[in-house]
PDB file of N, CA and C in Angstrom:
ATOM      1  N   MET A   1      89.526  83.696 126.212  1.00  0.00           N
ATOM      2  CA  MET A   1      90.489  82.671 125.774  1.00  0.00           C
ATOM      3  C   MET A   1      91.742  83.677 125.729  1.00  0.00           C
ATOM      4  N   THR A   2      92.853  82.906 126.174  1.00  0.00           N
ATOM      5  CA  THR A   2      94.095  83.499 126.254  1.00  0.00           C
ATOM      6  C   THR A   2      94.675  83.850 125.353  1.00  0.00           C
ATOM      7  N   GLU A   3      95.501  84.792 125.281  1.00  0.00           N
ATOM      8  CA  GLU A   3      96.247  85.154 124.114  1.00  0.00           C
ATOM      9  C   GLU A   3      97.109  83.978 123.250  1.00  0.00           C
ATOM     10  N   ASN A   4      97.819  83.520 123.904  1.00  0.00           N
ATOM     11  CA  ASN A   4      98.282  82.109 123.324  1.00  0.00           C
ATOM     12  C   ASN A   4      97.622  81.341 122.977  1.00  0.00           C
ATOM     13  N   ARG A   5      96.408  81.225 123.334  1.00  0.00           N
ATOM     14  CA  ARG A   5      95.675  80.131 122.529  1.00  0.00           C
ATOM     15  C   ARG A   5      95.064  80.785 121.403  1.00  0.00           C
ATOM     16  N   THR A   6      94.543  81.933 121.513  1.00  0.00           N
ATOM     17  CA  THR A   6      94.225  82.701 120.161  1.00  0.00           C
ATOM     18  C   THR A   6      95.049  82.861 119.060  1.00  0.00           C
ATOM     19  N   VAL A   7      96.170  82.900 119.375  1.00  0.00           N
ATOM     20  CA  VAL A   7      97.472  82.833 118.514  1.00  0.00           C
ATOM     21  C   VAL A   7      97.452  81.699 117.749  1.00  0.00           C
ATOM     22  N   ALA A   8      97.656  80.574 118.687  1.00  0.00           N
ATOM     23  CA  ALA A   8      97.703  79.073 118.280  1.00  0.00           C
ATOM     24  C   ALA A   8      96.542  78.788 117.524  1.00  0.00           C
ATOM     25  N   ARG A   9      95.248  79.390 117.506  1.00  0.00           N
ATOM     26  CA  ARG A   9      94.275  78.913 116.753  1.00  0.00           C
ATOM     27  C   ARG A   9      94.523  79.647 115.453  1.00  0.00           C
ATOM     28  N   ALA A  10      95.048  80.671 115.294  1.00  0.00           N
ATOM     29  CA  ALA A  10      95.123  81.438 114.025  1.00  0.00           C
ATOM     30  C   ALA A  10      96.360  80.791 113.411  1.00  0.00           C
ATOM     31  N   LEU A  11      97.420  80.278 113.947  1.00  0.00           N
ATOM     32  CA  LEU A  11      98.370  79.744 113.253  1.00  0.00           C
ATOM     33  C   LEU A  11      98.031  78.316 112.900  1.00  0.00           C
ATOM     34  N   ALA A  12      97.281  77.631 113.996  1.00  0.00           N
ATOM     35  CA  ALA A  12      96.459  76.211 113.146  1.00  0.00           C
ATOM     36  C   ALA A  12      96.054  76.478 112.041  1.00  0.00           C
ATOM     37  N   ALA A  13      95.065  77.659 112.154  1.00  0.00           N
ATOM     38  CA  ALA A  13      94.541  77.633 110.581  1.00  0.00           C
ATOM     39  C   ALA A  13      95.129  77.853 109.552  1.00  0.00           C
ATOM     40  N   LEU A  14      96.563  78.601 109.303  1.00  0.00           N
ATOM     41  CA  LEU A  14      97.226  78.899 108.601  1.00  0.00           C
ATOM     42  C   LEU A  14      98.209  78.039 108.243  1.00  0.00           C
ATOM     43  N   GLY A  15      97.956  76.771 109.039  1.00  0.00           N
ATOM     44  CA  GLY A  15      98.964  75.380 109.254  1.00  0.00           C
ATOM     45  C   GLY A  15      98.395  74.521 107.917  1.00  0.00           C
ATOM     46  N   HIS A  16      97.687  74.760 107.041  1.00  0.00           N
ATOM     47  CA  HIS A  16      97.095  74.027 106.061  1.00  0.00           C
ATOM     48  C   HIS A  16      97.368  74.590 104.657  1.00  0.00           C
ATOM     49  N   GLU A  17      97.880  73.995 103.530  1.00  0.00           N
ATOM     50  CA  GLU A  17      98.591  74.402 102.612  1.00  0.00           C
ATOM     51  C   GLU A  17      97.391  75.351 101.966  1.00  0.00           C
ATOM     52  N   ALA A  18      96.113  75.037 101.676  1.00  0.00           N
ATOM     53  CA  ALA A  18      95.268  75.499 101.078  1.00  0.00           C
ATOM     54  C   ALA A  18      94.909  76.983 101.793  1.00  0.00           C
ATOM     55  N   ARG A  19      94.541  77.055 102.901  1.00  0.00           N
ATOM     56  CA  ARG A  19      94.259  77.922 103.867  1.00  0.00           C
ATOM     57  C   ARG A  19      95.355  78.973 103.766  1.00  0.00           C
ATOM     58  N   LEU A  20      96.593  78.458 103.863  1.00  0.00           N
ATOM     59  CA  LEU A  20      97.730  79.737 103.393  1.00  0.00           C
ATOM     60  C   LEU A  20      97.612  80.467 102.292  1.00  0.00           C
ATOM     61  N   ASP A  21      97.371  79.491 100.824  1.00  0.00           N
ATOM     62  CA  ASP A  21      97.074  80.070  99.899  1.00  0.00           C
ATOM     63  C   ASP A  21      96.277  80.919  99.875  1.00  0.00           C
ATOM     64  N   ILE A  22      95.069  80.625 100.290  1.00  0.00           N
ATOM     65  CA  ILE A  22      93.841  81.658 100.568  1.00  0.00           C
ATOM     66  C   ILE A  22      94.394  82.882 101.202  1.00  0.00           C
ATOM     67  N   PHE A  23      94.641  82.916 102.244  1.00  0.00           N
ATOM     68  CA  PHE A  23      95.107  84.351 103.095  1.00  0.00           C
ATOM     69  C   PHE A  23      96.202  84.771 102.384  1.00  0.00           C
ATOM     70  N   ARG A  24      97.131  84.351 102.134  1.00  0.00           N
ATOM     71  CA  ARG A  24      98.308  85.087 101.096  1.00  0.00           C
ATOM     72  C   ARG A  24      97.518  85.695  99.721  1.00  0.00           C
ATOM     73  N   LEU A  25      96.739  84.927  99.292  1.00  0.00           N
ATOM     74  CA  LEU A  25      95.800  85.678  98.337  1.00  0.00           C
ATOM     75  C   LEU A  25      95.022  86.895  98.663  1.00  0.00           C
ATOM     76  N   LEU A  26      94.287  86.736 100.040  1.00  0.00           N
ATOM     77  CA  LEU A  26      93.603  87.919 100.401  1.00  0.00           C
ATOM     78  C   LEU A  26      94.627  89.232 100.726  1.00  0.00           C
ATOM     79  N   VAL A  27      95.773  88.831 101.350  1.00  0.00           N
ATOM     80  CA  VAL A  27      96.578  89.701 101.429  1.00  0.00           C
ATOM     81  C   VAL A  27      96.897  90.552 100.395  1.00  0.00           C
ATOM     82  N   LYS A  28      97.240  89.885  99.497  1.00  0.00           N
ATOM     83  CA  LYS A  28      97.574  90.557  98.108  1.00  0.00           C
ATOM     84  C   LYS A  28      96.441  91.443  97.812  1.00  0.00           C
ATOM     85  N   ALA A  29      95.288  91.075  97.864  1.00  0.00           N
ATOM     86  CA  ALA A  29      94.012  91.754  97.176  1.00  0.00           C
ATOM     87  C   ALA A  29      93.694  92.936  97.910  1.00  0.00           C
ATOM     88  N   GLY A  30      94.228  93.258  99.204  1.00  0.00           N
ATOM     89  CA  GLY A  30      94.219  94.379 100.337  1.00  0.00           C
ATOM     90  C   GLY A  30      92.859  94.489 100.936  1.00  0.00           C
ATOM     91  N   HIS A  31      92.666  95.703 101.102  1.00  0.00           N
ATOM     92  CA  HIS A  31      91.122  95.918 101.612  1.00  0.00           C
ATOM     93  C   HIS A  31      90.159  95.647 101.097  1.00  0.00           C
ATOM     94  N   GLN A  32      90.073  95.827  99.703  1.00  0.00           N
ATOM     95  CA  GLN A  32      89.148  95.443  98.681  1.00  0.00           C
ATOM     96  C   GLN A  32      88.523  94.234  98.768  1.00  0.00           C
ATOM     97  N   GLY A  33      89.626  93.189  99.060  1.00  0.00           N
ATOM     98  CA  GLY A  33      89.229  91.470  99.381  1.00  0.00           C
ATOM     99  C   GLY A  33      88.556  91.127  98.174  1.00  0.00           C
ATOM    100  N   MET A  34      88.279  90.020  98.196  1.00  0.00           N
ATOM    101  CA  MET A  34      87.906  89.279  97.048  1.00  0.00           C
ATOM    102  C   MET A  34      86.530  88.448  97.095  1.00  0.00           C
ATOM    103  N   THR A  35      85.831  87.848  96.188  1.00  0.00           N
ATOM    104  CA  THR A  35      84.716  87.160  96.524  1.00  0.00           C
ATOM    105  C   THR A  35      84.982  85.784  96.547  1.00  0.00           C
ATOM    106  N   VAL A  36      84.339  84.627  96.754  1.00  0.00           N
ATOM    107  CA  VAL A  36      84.670  83.522  96.511  1.00  0.00           C
ATOM    108  C   VAL A  36      85.092  82.986  95.408  1.00  0.00           C
ATOM    109  N   GLY A  37      83.973  83.430  94.361  1.00  0.00           N
ATOM    110  CA  GLY A  37      84.190  83.364  93.092  1.00  0.00           C
ATOM    111  C   GLY A  37      85.599  83.384  92.533  1.00  0.00           C
ATOM    112  N   HIS A  38      86.092  84.375  92.924  1.00  0.00           N
ATOM    113  CA  HIS A  38      87.150  84.894  92.454  1.00  0.00           C
ATOM    114  C   HIS A  38      88.463  84.563  93.092  1.00  0.00           C
ATOM    115  N   ILE A  39      88.647  84.114  94.429  1.00  0.00           N
ATOM    116  CA  ILE A  39      89.440  83.122  94.749  1.00  0.00           C
ATOM    117  C   ILE A  39      89.496  81.830  94.462  1.00  0.00           C
ATOM    118  N   SER A  40      88.048  81.187  94.068  1.00  0.00           N
ATOM    119  CA  SER A  40      88.178  79.815  93.423  1.00  0.00           C
ATOM    120  C   SER A  40      88.774  80.143  92.039  1.00  0.00           C
ATOM    121  N   GLN A  41      88.614  80.856  91.336  1.00  0.00           N
ATOM    122  CA  GLN A  41      89.056  81.279  90.199  1.00  0.00           C
ATOM    123  C   GLN A  41      90.895  81.219  89.992  1.00  0.00           C
ATOM    124  N   HIS A  42      91.631  81.970  90.825  1.00  0.00           N
ATOM    125  CA  HIS A  42      92.767  82.127  91.105  1.00  0.00           C
ATOM    126  C   HIS A  42      93.565  81.023  91.773  1.00  0.00           C
ATOM    127  N   LEU A  43      92.757  80.202  92.639  1.00  0.00           N
ATOM    128  CA  LEU A  43      93.295  78.974  93.486  1.00  0.00           C
ATOM    129  C   LEU A  43      93.146  77.731  92.913  1.00  0.00           C
ATOM    130  N   GLY A  44      91.834  77.649  91.987  1.00  0.00           N
ATOM    131  CA  GLY A  44      91.460  76.442  91.289  1.00  0.00           C
ATOM    132  C   GLY A  44      90.852  75.388  92.588  1.00  0.00           C
ATOM    133  N   LEU A  45      90.284  76.021  93.413  1.00  0.00           N
ATOM    134  CA  LEU A  45      89.611  75.195  94.589  1.00  0.00           C
ATOM    135  C   LEU A  45      87.929  75.255  94.331  1.00  0.00           C
ATOM    136  N   ALA A  46      87.735  73.893  94.522  1.00  0.00           N
ATOM    137  CA  ALA A  46      86.161  73.819  94.507  1.00  0.00           C
ATOM    138  C   ALA A  46      85.415  74.391  95.578  1.00  0.00           C
ATOM    139  N   ALA A  47      84.314  74.877  95.106  1.00  0.00           N
ATOM    140  CA  ALA A  47      83.573  76.036  95.748  1.00  0.00           C
ATOM    141  C   ALA A  47      83.366  75.148  97.330  1.00  0.00           C
ATOM    142  N   SER A  48      82.900  73.918  97.389  1.00  0.00           N
ATOM    143  CA  SER A  48      82.472  73.425  98.800  1.00  0.00           C
ATOM    144  C   SER A  48      83.926  73.568  99.827  1.00  0.00           C
ATOM    145  N   THR A  49      85.022  72.997  99.010  1.00  0.00           N
ATOM    146  CA  THR A  49      86.328  73.074  99.602  1.00  0.00           C
ATOM    147  C   THR A  49      86.626  74.379 100.163  1.00  0.00           C
ATOM    148  N   LEU A  50      86.555  75.295  99.331  1.00  0.00           N
ATOM    149  CA  LEU A  50      86.875  76.618  99.519  1.00  0.00           C
ATOM    150  C   LEU A  50      86.193  77.442 100.750  1.00  0.00           C
ATOM    151  N   ALA A  51      84.697  76.809 100.740  1.00  0.00           N
ATOM    152  CA  ALA A  51      83.753  77.628 101.743  1.00  0.00           C
ATOM    153  C   ALA A  51      84.439  76.849 103.209  1.00  0.00           C
ATOM    154  N   HIS A  52      84.757  75.546 103.241  1.00  0.00           N
ATOM    155  CA  HIS A  52      85.583  74.946 104.335  1.00  0.00           C
ATOM    156  C   HIS A  52      86.615  75.670 104.737  1.00  0.00           C
ATOM    157  N   HIS A  53      87.474  75.853 103.906  1.00  0.00           N
ATOM    158  CA  HIS A  53      88.665  76.597 104.342  1.00  0.00           C
ATOM    159  C   HIS A  53      88.476  78.101 104.766  1.00  0.00           C
ATOM    160  N   LEU A  54      87.594  78.768 103.904  1.00  0.00           N
ATOM    161  CA  LEU A  54      87.498  80.007 104.596  1.00  0.00           C
ATOM    162  C   LEU A  54      86.604  80.029 105.916  1.00  0.00           C
ATOM    163  N   ARG A  55      85.725  79.093 106.197  1.00  0.00           N
ATOM    164  CA  ARG A  55      85.189  79.075 107.516  1.00  0.00           C
ATOM    165  C   ARG A  55      86.156  79.008 108.616  1.00  0.00           C
ATOM    166  N   MET A  56      87.365  78.189 108.401  1.00  0.00           N
ATOM    167  CA  MET A  56      88.409  78.220 109.655  1.00  0.00           C
ATOM    168  C   MET A  56      88.983  79.366 109.914  1.00  0.00           C
ATOM    169  N   LEU A  57      89.401  79.960 108.599  1.00  0.00           N
ATOM    170  CA  LEU A  57      90.078  81.361 108.531  1.00  0.00           C
ATOM    171  C   LEU A  57      89.126  82.421 109.276  1.00  0.00           C
ATOM    172  N   VAL A  58      87.764  82.335 108.962  1.00  0.00           N
ATOM    173  CA  VAL A  58      86.920  82.920 109.742  1.00  0.00           C
ATOM    174  C   VAL A  58      86.843  83.014 111.280  1.00  0.00           C
ATOM    175  N   ASP A  59      86.579  81.581 111.490  1.00  0.00           N
ATOM    176  CA  ASP A  59      86.498  81.097 113.003  1.00  0.00           C
ATOM    177  C   ASP A  59      87.929  81.685 113.625  1.00  0.00           C
ATOM    178  N   ALA A  60      89.083  81.551 113.206  1.00  0.00           N
ATOM    179  CA  ALA A  60      90.248  81.960 113.636  1.00  0.00           C
ATOM    180  C   ALA A  60      90.484  83.440 113.933  1.00  0.00           C
ATOM    181  N   GLY A  61      89.448  84.151 113.046  1.00  0.00           N
ATOM    182  CA  GLY A  61      89.581  85.654 113.327  1.00  0.00           C
ATOM    183  C   GLY A  61      90.520  86.251 112.381  1.00  0.00           C
ATOM    184  N   LEU A  62      90.880  85.378 111.378  1.00  0.00           N
ATOM    185  CA  LEU A  62      91.826  86.124 110.175  1.00  0.00           C
ATOM    186  C   LEU A  62      91.379  86.616 109.050  1.00  0.00           C
ATOM    187  N   VAL A  63      89.874  86.224 108.848  1.00  0.00           N
ATOM    188  CA  VAL A  63      89.654  86.718 107.551  1.00  0.00           C
ATOM    189  C   VAL A  63      87.938  87.376 108.148  1.00  0.00           C
ATOM    190  N   ALA A  64      87.477  88.107 107.536  1.00  0.00           N
ATOM    191  CA  ALA A  64      86.344  88.745 107.494  1.00  0.00           C
ATOM    192  C   ALA A  64      85.494  88.651 106.342  1.00  0.00           C
ATOM    193  N   GLN A  65      84.021  88.297 106.540  1.00  0.00           N
ATOM    194  CA  GLN A  65      83.231  88.227 105.499  1.00  0.00           C
ATOM    195  C   GLN A  65      82.263  89.357 105.616  1.00  0.00           C
ATOM    196  N   ALA A  66      81.642  89.873 104.131  1.00  0.00           N
ATOM    197  CA  ALA A  66      80.630  90.744 104.238  1.00  0.00           C
ATOM    198  C   ALA A  66      80.076  90.497 102.866  1.00  0.00           C
ATOM    199  N   LYS A  67      78.492  90.830 103.157  1.00  0.00           N
ATOM    200  CA  LYS A  67      77.545  90.783 102.145  1.00  0.00           C
ATOM    201  C   LYS A  67      77.517  91.721 101.320  1.00  0.00           C
ATOM    202  N   GLN A  68      77.991  91.687  99.940  1.00  0.00           N
ATOM    203  CA  GLN A  68      77.903  92.862  99.289  1.00  0.00           C
ATOM    204  C   GLN A  68      76.659  92.459  97.965  1.00  0.00           C
ATOM    205  N   GLY A  69      75.384  92.753  98.016  1.00  0.00           N
ATOM    206  CA  GLY A  69      74.572  92.249  97.081  1.00  0.00           C
ATOM    207  C   GLY A  69      74.453  90.770  97.383  1.00  0.00           C
ATOM    208  N   ARG A  70      74.726  90.123  95.904  1.00  0.00           N
ATOM    209  CA  ARG A  70      74.612  88.681  96.124  1.00  0.00           C
ATOM    210  C   ARG A  70      75.804  87.890  96.523  1.00  0.00           C
ATOM    211  N   GLU A  71      76.710  88.666  96.442  1.00  0.00           N
ATOM    212  CA  GLU A  71      78.265  88.191  96.731  1.00  0.00           C
ATOM    213  C   GLU A  71      78.709  88.349  98.308  1.00  0.00           C
ATOM    214  N   VAL A  72      79.673  87.101  98.551  1.00  0.00           N
ATOM    215  CA  VAL A  72      80.559  87.434  99.944  1.00  0.00           C
ATOM    216  C   VAL A  72      81.709  87.877  99.581  1.00  0.00           C
ATOM    217  N   VAL A  73      82.376  89.007 100.140  1.00  0.00           N
ATOM    218  CA  VAL A  73      83.647  89.693 100.194  1.00  0.00           C
ATOM    219  C   VAL A  73      84.341  89.109 101.145  1.00  0.00           C
ATOM    220  N   ASN A  74      85.589  88.496 100.932  1.00  0.00           N
ATOM    221  CA  ASN A  74      86.539  87.926 102.196  1.00  0.00           C
ATOM    222  C   ASN A  74      87.518  88.943 101.935  1.00  0.00           C
ATOM    223  N   THR A  75      88.132  89.449 103.404  1.00  0.00           N
ATOM    224  CA  THR A  75      88.857  90.640 103.455  1.00  0.00           C
ATOM    225  C   THR A  75      89.881  89.843 104.567  1.00  0.00           C
ATOM    226  N   VAL A  76      91.229  90.148 104.632  1.00  0.00           N
ATOM    227  CA  VAL A  76      92.055  89.528 105.629  1.00  0.00           C
ATOM    228  C   VAL A  76      91.525  90.767 106.846  1.00  0.00           C
ATOM    229  N   ASN A  77      91.527  90.430 108.183  1.00  0.00           N
ATOM    230  CA  ASN A  77      91.505  91.065 109.438  1.00  0.00           C
ATOM    231  C   ASN A  77      92.871  91.384 109.393  1.00  0.00           C
ATOM    232  N   PHE A  78      93.251  92.580 109.030  1.00  0.00           N
ATOM    233  CA  PHE A  78      95.027  93.156 109.158  1.00  0.00           C
ATOM    234  C   PHE A  78      95.278  93.355 110.553  1.00  0.00           C
ATOM    235  N   ASP A  79      94.069  93.995 111.309  1.00  0.00           N
ATOM    236  CA  ASP A  79      94.566  94.088 112.668  1.00  0.00           C
ATOM    237  C   ASP A  79      94.950  92.795 113.393  1.00  0.00           C
ATOM    238  N   GLU A  80      94.017  91.656 113.320  1.00  0.00           N
ATOM    239  CA  GLU A  80      94.438  90.455 113.719  1.00  0.00           C
ATOM    240  C   GLU A  80      95.936  89.827 113.310  1.00  0.00           C
ATOM    241  N   MET A  81      95.983  89.967 112.071  1.00  0.00           N
ATOM    242  CA  MET A  81      97.236  89.391 111.202  1.00  0.00           C
ATOM    243  C   MET A  81      98.520  90.375 111.897  1.00  0.00           C
ATOM    244  N   ASN A  82      98.586  91.696 111.932  1.00  0.00           N
ATOM    245  CA  ASN A  82      99.541  92.542 112.740  1.00  0.00           C
ATOM    246  C   ASN A  82      99.770  92.267 114.242  1.00  0.00           C
ATOM    247  N   HIS A  83      98.406  91.796 114.874  1.00  0.00           N
ATOM    248  CA  HIS A  83      98.715  91.248 116.278  1.00  0.00           C
ATOM    249  C   HIS A  83      99.634  89.957 116.618  1.00  0.00           C
ATOM    250  N   ILE A  84      99.207  88.957 115.588  1.00  0.00           N
ATOM    251  CA  ILE A  84     100.055  87.690 115.484  1.00  0.00           C
ATOM    252  C   ILE A  84     101.457  88.017 115.419  1.00  0.00           C
ATOM    253  N   ILE A  85     101.616  88.844 114.251  1.00  0.00           N
ATOM    254  CA  ILE A  85     103.093  89.098 114.142  1.00  0.00           C
ATOM    255  C   ILE A  85     103.873  90.059 115.334  1.00  0.00           C
ATOM    256  N   THR A  86     103.045  90.506 115.645  1.00  0.00           N
ATOM    257  CA  THR A  86     103.795  91.337 117.139  1.00  0.00           C
ATOM    258  C   THR A  86     103.837  90.221 118.107  1.00  0.00           C
ATOM    259  N   PHE A  87     102.860  89.597 118.267  1.00  0.00           N
ATOM    260  CA  PHE A  87     103.276  88.452 119.362  1.00  0.00           C
ATOM    261  C   PHE A  87     104.257  87.645 119.107  1.00  0.00           C
ATOM    262  N   LEU A  88     104.580  87.197 118.048  1.00  0.00           N
ATOM    263  CA  LEU A  88     105.639  86.295 117.365  1.00  0.00           C
ATOM    264  C   LEU A  88     107.090  87.034 117.855  1.00  0.00           C
ATOM    265  N   THR A  89     107.011  88.172 117.664  1.00  0.00           N
ATOM    266  CA  THR A  89     108.167  88.983 117.442  1.00  0.00           C
ATOM    267  C   THR A  89     108.639  89.921 118.747  1.00  0.00           C
ATOM    268  N   ASP A  90     107.654  90.066 119.551  1.00  0.00           N
ATOM    269  CA  ASP A  90     107.712  91.226 120.615  1.00  0.00           C
ATOM    270  C   ASP A  90     108.915  91.093 121.458  1.00  0.00           C
ATOM    271  N   GLN A  91     109.148  89.531 121.557  1.00  0.00           N
ATOM    272  CA  GLN A  91     110.333  89.676 122.623  1.00  0.00           C
ATOM    273  C   GLN A  91     111.636  89.257 121.680  1.00  0.00           C
ATOM    274  N   CYS A  92     111.831  89.460 120.648  1.00  0.00           N
ATOM    275  CA  CYS A  92     112.833  88.870 119.827  1.00  0.00           C
ATOM    276  C   CYS A  92     114.029  89.716 120.568  1.00  0.00           C
ATOM    277  N   CYS A  93     114.846  88.863 120.571  1.00  0.00           N
ATOM    278  CA  CYS A  93     116.687  89.145 121.138  1.00  0.00           C
ATOM    279  C   CYS A  93     116.602  89.729 122.314  1.00  0.00           C
ATOM    280  N   THR A  94     115.699  89.483 123.341  1.00  0.00           N
ATOM    281  CA  THR A  94     115.768  89.964 124.722  1.00  0.00           C
ATOM    282  C   THR A  94     116.534  89.116 125.706  1.00  0.00           C
ATOM    283  N   GLY A  95     116.805  87.847 125.247  1.00  0.00           N
ATOM    284  CA  GLY A  95     117.661  87.238 125.598  1.00  0.00           C
ATOM    285  C   GLY A  95     116.928  85.999 126.639  1.00  0.00           C
ATOM    286  N   VAL A  96     117.751  84.984 127.222  1.00  0.00           N
ATOM    287  CA  VAL A  96     116.862  83.999 127.802  1.00  0.00           C
ATOM    288  C   VAL A  96     117.883  83.455 129.060  1.00  0.00           C
ATOM    289  N   THR A  97     117.489  83.485 130.009  1.00  0.00           N
ATOM    290  CA  THR A  97     118.307  82.747 131.074  1.00  0.00           C
ATOM    291  C   THR A  97     118.131  81.273 131.006  1.00  0.00           C
ATOM    292  N   LEU A  98     119.405  80.989 131.159  1.00  0.00           N
ATOM    293  CA  LEU A  98     119.583  79.413 130.770  1.00  0.00           C
ATOM    294  C   LEU A  98     119.578  78.527 132.288  1.00  0.00           C
ATOM    295  N   ILE A  99     118.816  77.410 131.998  1.00  0.00           N
ATOM    296  CA  ILE A  99     118.387  76.913 133.247  1.00  0.00           C
ATOM    297  C   ILE A  99     119.553  75.660 133.285  1.00  0.00           C
ATOM    298  N   THR A 100     120.245  75.576 134.330  1.00  0.00           N
ATOM    299  CA  THR A 100     121.469  74.516 134.202  1.00  0.00           C
ATOM    300  C   THR A 100     120.918  73.651 135.198  1.00  0.00           C
ATOM    301  N   ASP A 101     121.636  72.120 135.301  1.00  0.00           N
ATOM    302  CA  ASP A 101     121.215  70.996 135.943  1.00  0.00           C
ATOM    303  C   ASP A 101     120.854  71.383 137.448  1.00  0.00           C
ATOM    304  N   GLU A 102     121.800  72.229 137.941  1.00  0.00           N
ATOM    305  CA  GLU A 102     121.772  72.688 139.385  1.00  0.00           C
ATOM    306  C   GLU A 102     120.331  73.661 139.854  1.00  0.00           C
ATOM    307  N   ASP A 103     120.035  74.041 138.614  1.00  0.00           N
ATOM    308  CA  ASP A 103     118.630  75.000 138.959  1.00  0.00           C
ATOM    309  C   ASP A 103     117.420  74.361 138.972  1.00  0.00           C
ATOM    310  N   ALA A 104     117.779  73.069 138.013  1.00  0.00           N
ATOM    311  CA  ALA A 104     116.564  72.259 137.916  1.00  0.00           C
ATOM    312  C   ALA A 104     116.371  71.215 139.158  1.00  0.00           C
ATOM    313  N   ALA A 105     117.449  70.972 139.862  1.00  0.00           N
ATOM    314  CA  ALA A 105     117.427  70.164 141.154  1.00  0.00           C
ATOM    315  C   ALA A 105     116.608  70.929 142.200  1.00  0.00           C
TER     316      ALA A 105
END
């Protein structure tokens, strides 16, 4: 998968209000993460809805899940998050060559 496609997929996953809320909550939780039950308590999402949104974040590489006993702990993939931020900002203010009508002809 190309880098553009990977980043676009991650941004698409974040493009839903509930998933963005989940992701931002997990960022606040840090490396310890949160269980599905705790996420549900904080955001008031039904378990089935939450599972669907978490699956999309996991598939996009933004969230990792690990089984701890009977619970599933969700944590942000901070490396991927930072990669996306870098991708979006790495060419900031480098300039763009304007294409004129003469160049396009």
